Amino acid sequence: MAQHPVAHEVFDQRDADGVVVLLDAEPPAGQHDTVREAAAICPAAVIEVHA
């Protein structure tokens, strides 16, 4: 079973394989801290934040 991703407005996670899917490539400024947190705790270290 997939875990609920941090920043669920920006990322989703497929139930079939757990792959994280980007929903919003340019989230509002109010979500930037949460997106950075998601990148920091990503177990596969595949989320990159470009500011």
PDB file of N, CA and C in Angstrom:
ATOM      1  N   MET A   1       0.848  -1.185   0.000  1.00  0.00           N
ATOM      2  CA  MET A   1       0.000   0.000   0.000  1.00  0.00           C
ATOM      3  C   MET A   1       0.890   1.243   0.000  1.00  0.00           C
ATOM      4  N   ALA A   2       0.542   2.220  -0.827  1.00  0.00           N
ATOM      5  CA  ALA A   2       1.322   3.453  -0.929  1.00  0.00           C
ATOM      6  C   ALA A   2       1.062   4.348   0.270  1.00  0.00           C
ATOM      7  N   GLN A   3       2.107   5.066   0.662  1.00  0.00           N
ATOM      8  CA  GLN A   3       1.958   6.045   1.735  1.00  0.00           C
ATOM      9  C   GLN A   3       1.423   7.334   1.135  1.00  0.00           C
ATOM     10  N   HIS A   4       0.760   8.141   1.959  1.00  0.00           N
ATOM     11  CA  HIS A   4       0.298   9.441   1.489  1.00  0.00           C
ATOM     12  C   HIS A   4       1.495  10.381   1.438  1.00  0.00           C
ATOM     13  N   PRO A   5       1.741  10.981   0.285  1.00  0.00           N
ATOM     14  CA  PRO A   5       2.912  11.854   0.165  1.00  0.00           C
ATOM     15  C   PRO A   5       2.721  13.176   0.906  1.00  0.00           C
ATOM     16  N   VAL A   6       3.836  13.748   1.309  1.00  0.00           N
ATOM     17  CA  VAL A   6       3.830  15.107   1.840  1.00  0.00           C
ATOM     18  C   VAL A   6       3.526  16.020   0.654  1.00  0.00           C
ATOM     19  N   ALA A   7       2.887  17.147   0.907  1.00  0.00           N
ATOM     20  CA  ALA A   7       2.524  18.110  -0.146  1.00  0.00           C
ATOM     21  C   ALA A   7       1.580  17.460  -1.151  1.00  0.00           C
ATOM     22  N   HIS A   8       0.499  16.893  -0.647  1.00  0.00           N
ATOM     23  CA  HIS A   8      -0.421  16.155  -1.508  1.00  0.00           C
ATOM     24  C   HIS A   8      -1.089  17.009  -2.587  1.00  0.00           C
ATOM     25  N   GLU A   9      -1.015  18.330  -2.478  1.00  0.00           N
ATOM     26  CA  GLU A   9      -1.536  19.179  -3.543  1.00  0.00           C
ATOM     27  C   GLU A   9      -0.555  19.248  -4.709  1.00  0.00           C
ATOM     28  N   VAL A  10       0.688  18.911  -4.437  1.00  0.00           N
ATOM     29  CA  VAL A  10       1.750  19.009  -5.440  1.00  0.00           C
ATOM     30  C   VAL A  10       2.142  17.632  -5.966  1.00  0.00           C
ATOM     31  N   PHE A  11       2.082  16.618  -5.107  1.00  0.00           N
ATOM     32  CA  PHE A  11       2.477  15.261  -5.485  1.00  0.00           C
ATOM     33  C   PHE A  11       1.357  14.279  -5.192  1.00  0.00           C
ATOM     34  N   ASP A  12       1.302  13.238  -5.986  1.00  0.00           N
ATOM     35  CA  ASP A  12       0.442  12.101  -5.705  1.00  0.00           C
ATOM     36  C   ASP A  12       1.323  10.869  -5.788  1.00  0.00           C
ATOM     37  N   GLN A  13       0.801   9.741  -5.370  1.00  0.00           N
ATOM     38  CA  GLN A  13       1.569   8.510  -5.406  1.00  0.00           C
ATOM     39  C   GLN A  13       0.684   7.412  -5.962  1.00  0.00           C
ATOM     40  N   ARG A  14       1.173   6.742  -7.001  1.00  0.00           N
ATOM     41  CA  ARG A  14       0.394   5.676  -7.618  1.00  0.00           C
ATOM     42  C   ARG A  14       0.310   4.485  -6.683  1.00  0.00           C
ATOM     43  N   ASP A  15      -0.898   3.946  -6.519  1.00  0.00           N
ATOM     44  CA  ASP A  15      -1.093   2.787  -5.659  1.00  0.00           C
ATOM     45  C   ASP A  15      -0.415   1.545  -6.207  1.00  0.00           C
ATOM     46  N   ALA A  16      -0.388   1.395  -7.517  1.00  0.00           N
ATOM     47  CA  ALA A  16       0.138   0.179  -8.136  1.00  0.00           C
ATOM     48  C   ALA A  16       1.617  -0.056  -7.851  1.00  0.00           C
ATOM     49  N   ASP A  17       2.408   1.023  -7.878  1.00  0.00           N
ATOM     50  CA  ASP A  17       3.851   0.832  -7.752  1.00  0.00           C
ATOM     51  C   ASP A  17       4.537   1.833  -6.827  1.00  0.00           C
ATOM     52  N   GLY A  18       3.779   2.777  -6.256  1.00  0.00           N
ATOM     53  CA  GLY A  18       4.359   3.725  -5.317  1.00  0.00           C
ATOM     54  C   GLY A  18       5.103   4.878  -5.942  1.00  0.00           C
ATOM     55  N   VAL A  19       5.125   4.971  -7.266  1.00  0.00           N
ATOM     56  CA  VAL A  19       5.829   6.050  -7.941  1.00  0.00           C
ATOM     57  C   VAL A  19       5.115   7.373  -7.658  1.00  0.00           C
ATOM     58  N   VAL A  20       5.899   8.392  -7.333  1.00  0.00           N
ATOM     59  CA  VAL A  20       5.352   9.718  -7.062  1.00  0.00           C
ATOM     60  C   VAL A  20       5.141  10.442  -8.382  1.00  0.00           C
ATOM     61  N   VAL A  21       3.986  11.087  -8.501  1.00  0.00           N
ATOM     62  CA  VAL A  21       3.607  11.814  -9.709  1.00  0.00           C
ATOM     63  C   VAL A  21       3.480  13.293  -9.365  1.00  0.00           C
ATOM     64  N   LEU A  22       4.104  14.141 -10.168  1.00  0.00           N
ATOM     65  CA  LEU A  22       4.037  15.585  -9.977  1.00  0.00           C
ATOM     66  C   LEU A  22       2.707  16.112 -10.500  1.00  0.00           C
ATOM     67  N   LEU A  23       1.967  16.801  -9.647  1.00  0.00           N
ATOM     68  CA  LEU A  23       0.675  17.367 -10.031  1.00  0.00           C
ATOM     69  C   LEU A  23       0.772  18.849 -10.363  1.00  0.00           C
ATOM     70  N   ASP A  24       1.709  19.555  -9.735  1.00  0.00           N
ATOM     71  CA  ASP A  24       1.831  21.001  -9.917  1.00  0.00           C
ATOM     72  C   ASP A  24       3.305  21.378  -9.957  1.00  0.00           C
ATOM     73  N   ALA A  25       3.812  21.663 -11.139  1.00  0.00           N
ATOM     74  CA  ALA A  25       5.236  21.981 -11.301  1.00  0.00           C
ATOM     75  C   ALA A  25       5.603  23.352 -10.755  1.00  0.00           C
ATOM     76  N   GLU A  26       4.613  24.216 -10.543  1.00  0.00           N
ATOM     77  CA  GLU A  26       4.868  25.553 -10.021  1.00  0.00           C
ATOM     78  C   GLU A  26       3.874  25.860  -8.908  1.00  0.00           C
ATOM     79  N   PRO A  27       4.058  25.217  -7.749  1.00  0.00           N
ATOM     80  CA  PRO A  27       3.122  25.442  -6.643  1.00  0.00           C
ATOM     81  C   PRO A  27       3.235  26.859  -6.093  1.00  0.00           C
ATOM     82  N   PRO A  28       2.167  27.342  -5.450  1.00  0.00           N
ATOM     83  CA  PRO A  28       2.192  28.686  -4.871  1.00  0.00           C
ATOM     84  C   PRO A  28       3.250  28.799  -3.763  1.00  0.00           C
ATOM     85  N   ALA A  29       3.689  30.001  -3.515  1.00  0.00           N
ATOM     86  CA  ALA A  29       4.734  30.258  -2.520  1.00  0.00           C
ATOM     87  C   ALA A  29       4.393  29.678  -1.152  1.00  0.00           C
ATOM     88  N   GLY A  30       3.135  29.640  -0.799  1.00  0.00           N
ATOM     89  CA  GLY A  30       2.722  29.107   0.493  1.00  0.00           C
ATOM     90  C   GLY A  30       2.966  27.619   0.654  1.00  0.00           C
ATOM     91  N   GLN A  31       3.258  26.919  -0.431  1.00  0.00           N
ATOM     92  CA  GLN A  31       3.518  25.482  -0.375  1.00  0.00           C
ATOM     93  C   GLN A  31       5.003  25.141  -0.503  1.00  0.00           C
ATOM     94  N   HIS A  32       5.849  26.125  -0.698  1.00  0.00           N
ATOM     95  CA  HIS A  32       7.264  25.861  -0.951  1.00  0.00           C
ATOM     96  C   HIS A  32       7.945  25.106   0.196  1.00  0.00           C
ATOM     97  N   ASP A  33       7.661  25.461   1.439  1.00  0.00           N
ATOM     98  CA  ASP A  33       8.295  24.764   2.566  1.00  0.00           C
ATOM     99  C   ASP A  33       7.893  23.293   2.595  1.00  0.00           C
ATOM    100  N   THR A  34       6.623  23.012   2.315  1.00  0.00           N
ATOM    101  CA  THR A  34       6.145  21.636   2.314  1.00  0.00           C
ATOM    102  C   THR A  34       6.774  20.840   1.170  1.00  0.00           C
ATOM    103  N   VAL A  35       6.941  21.483   0.021  1.00  0.00           N
ATOM    104  CA  VAL A  35       7.578  20.818  -1.119  1.00  0.00           C
ATOM    105  C   VAL A  35       9.037  20.514  -0.802  1.00  0.00           C
ATOM    106  N   ARG A  36       9.726  21.449  -0.154  1.00  0.00           N
ATOM    107  CA  ARG A  36      11.123  21.197   0.240  1.00  0.00           C
ATOM    108  C   ARG A  36      11.194  20.044   1.245  1.00  0.00           C
ATOM    109  N   GLU A  37      10.227  19.974   2.154  1.00  0.00           N
ATOM    110  CA  GLU A  37      10.181  18.866   3.110  1.00  0.00           C
ATOM    111  C   GLU A  37      10.000  17.541   2.372  1.00  0.00           C
ATOM    112  N   ALA A  38       9.109  17.506   1.392  1.00  0.00           N
ATOM    113  CA  ALA A  38       8.886  16.291   0.615  1.00  0.00           C
ATOM    114  C   ALA A  38      10.176  15.846  -0.071  1.00  0.00           C
ATOM    115  N   ALA A  39      10.906  16.795  -0.627  1.00  0.00           N
ATOM    116  CA  ALA A  39      12.177  16.465  -1.277  1.00  0.00           C
ATOM    117  C   ALA A  39      13.187  15.925  -0.271  1.00  0.00           C
ATOM    118  N   ALA A  40      13.217  16.516   0.907  1.00  0.00           N
ATOM    119  CA  ALA A  40      14.189  16.106   1.924  1.00  0.00           C
ATOM    120  C   ALA A  40      13.921  14.706   2.461  1.00  0.00           C
ATOM    121  N   ILE A  41      12.653  14.309   2.528  1.00  0.00           N
ATOM    122  CA  ILE A  41      12.349  12.997   3.117  1.00  0.00           C
ATOM    123  C   ILE A  41      12.064  11.923   2.076  1.00  0.00           C
ATOM    124  N   CYS A  42      12.176  12.249   0.800  1.00  0.00           N
ATOM    125  CA  CYS A  42      11.928  11.266  -0.254  1.00  0.00           C
ATOM    126  C   CYS A  42      12.920  10.115  -0.103  1.00  0.00           C
ATOM    127  N   PRO A  43      12.427   8.890   0.151  1.00  0.00           N
ATOM    128  CA  PRO A  43      13.339   7.762   0.382  1.00  0.00           C
ATOM    129  C   PRO A  43      14.186   7.405  -0.833  1.00  0.00           C
ATOM    130  N   ALA A  44      13.728   7.737  -2.025  1.00  0.00           N
ATOM    131  CA  ALA A  44      14.503   7.442  -3.235  1.00  0.00           C
ATOM    132  C   ALA A  44      15.357   8.631  -3.657  1.00  0.00           C
ATOM    133  N   ALA A  45      15.209   9.765  -2.983  1.00  0.00           N
ATOM    134  CA  ALA A  45      15.962  10.986  -3.275  1.00  0.00           C
ATOM    135  C   ALA A  45      15.822  11.406  -4.731  1.00  0.00           C
ATOM    136  N   VAL A  46      14.595  11.312  -5.263  1.00  0.00           N
ATOM    137  CA  VAL A  46      14.380  11.655  -6.663  1.00  0.00           C
ATOM    138  C   VAL A  46      13.659  12.985  -6.856  1.00  0.00           C
ATOM    139  N   ILE A  47      13.223  13.612  -5.764  1.00  0.00           N
ATOM    140  CA  ILE A  47      12.559  14.899  -5.876  1.00  0.00           C
ATOM    141  C   ILE A  47      13.597  16.000  -5.773  1.00  0.00           C
ATOM    142  N   GLU A  48      13.653  16.848  -6.793  1.00  0.00           N
ATOM    143  CA  GLU A  48      14.569  17.978  -6.810  1.00  0.00           C
ATOM    144  C   GLU A  48      13.753  19.260  -6.810  1.00  0.00           C
ATOM    145  N   VAL A  49      14.190  20.250  -6.058  1.00  0.00           N
ATOM    146  CA  VAL A  49      13.523  21.547  -6.012  1.00  0.00           C
ATOM    147  C   VAL A  49      14.460  22.565  -6.655  1.00  0.00           C
ATOM    148  N   HIS A  50      13.938  23.255  -7.645  1.00  0.00           N
ATOM    149  CA  HIS A  50      14.695  24.305  -8.320  1.00  0.00           C
ATOM    150  C   HIS A  50      14.022  25.629  -8.004  1.00  0.00           C
ATOM    151  N   ALA A  51      14.744  26.498  -7.329  1.00  0.00           N
ATOM    152  CA  ALA A  51      14.159  27.788  -6.955  1.00  0.00           C
ATOM    153  C   ALA A  51      14.637  28.897  -7.839  1.00  0.00           C
TER     154      ALA A  51
END
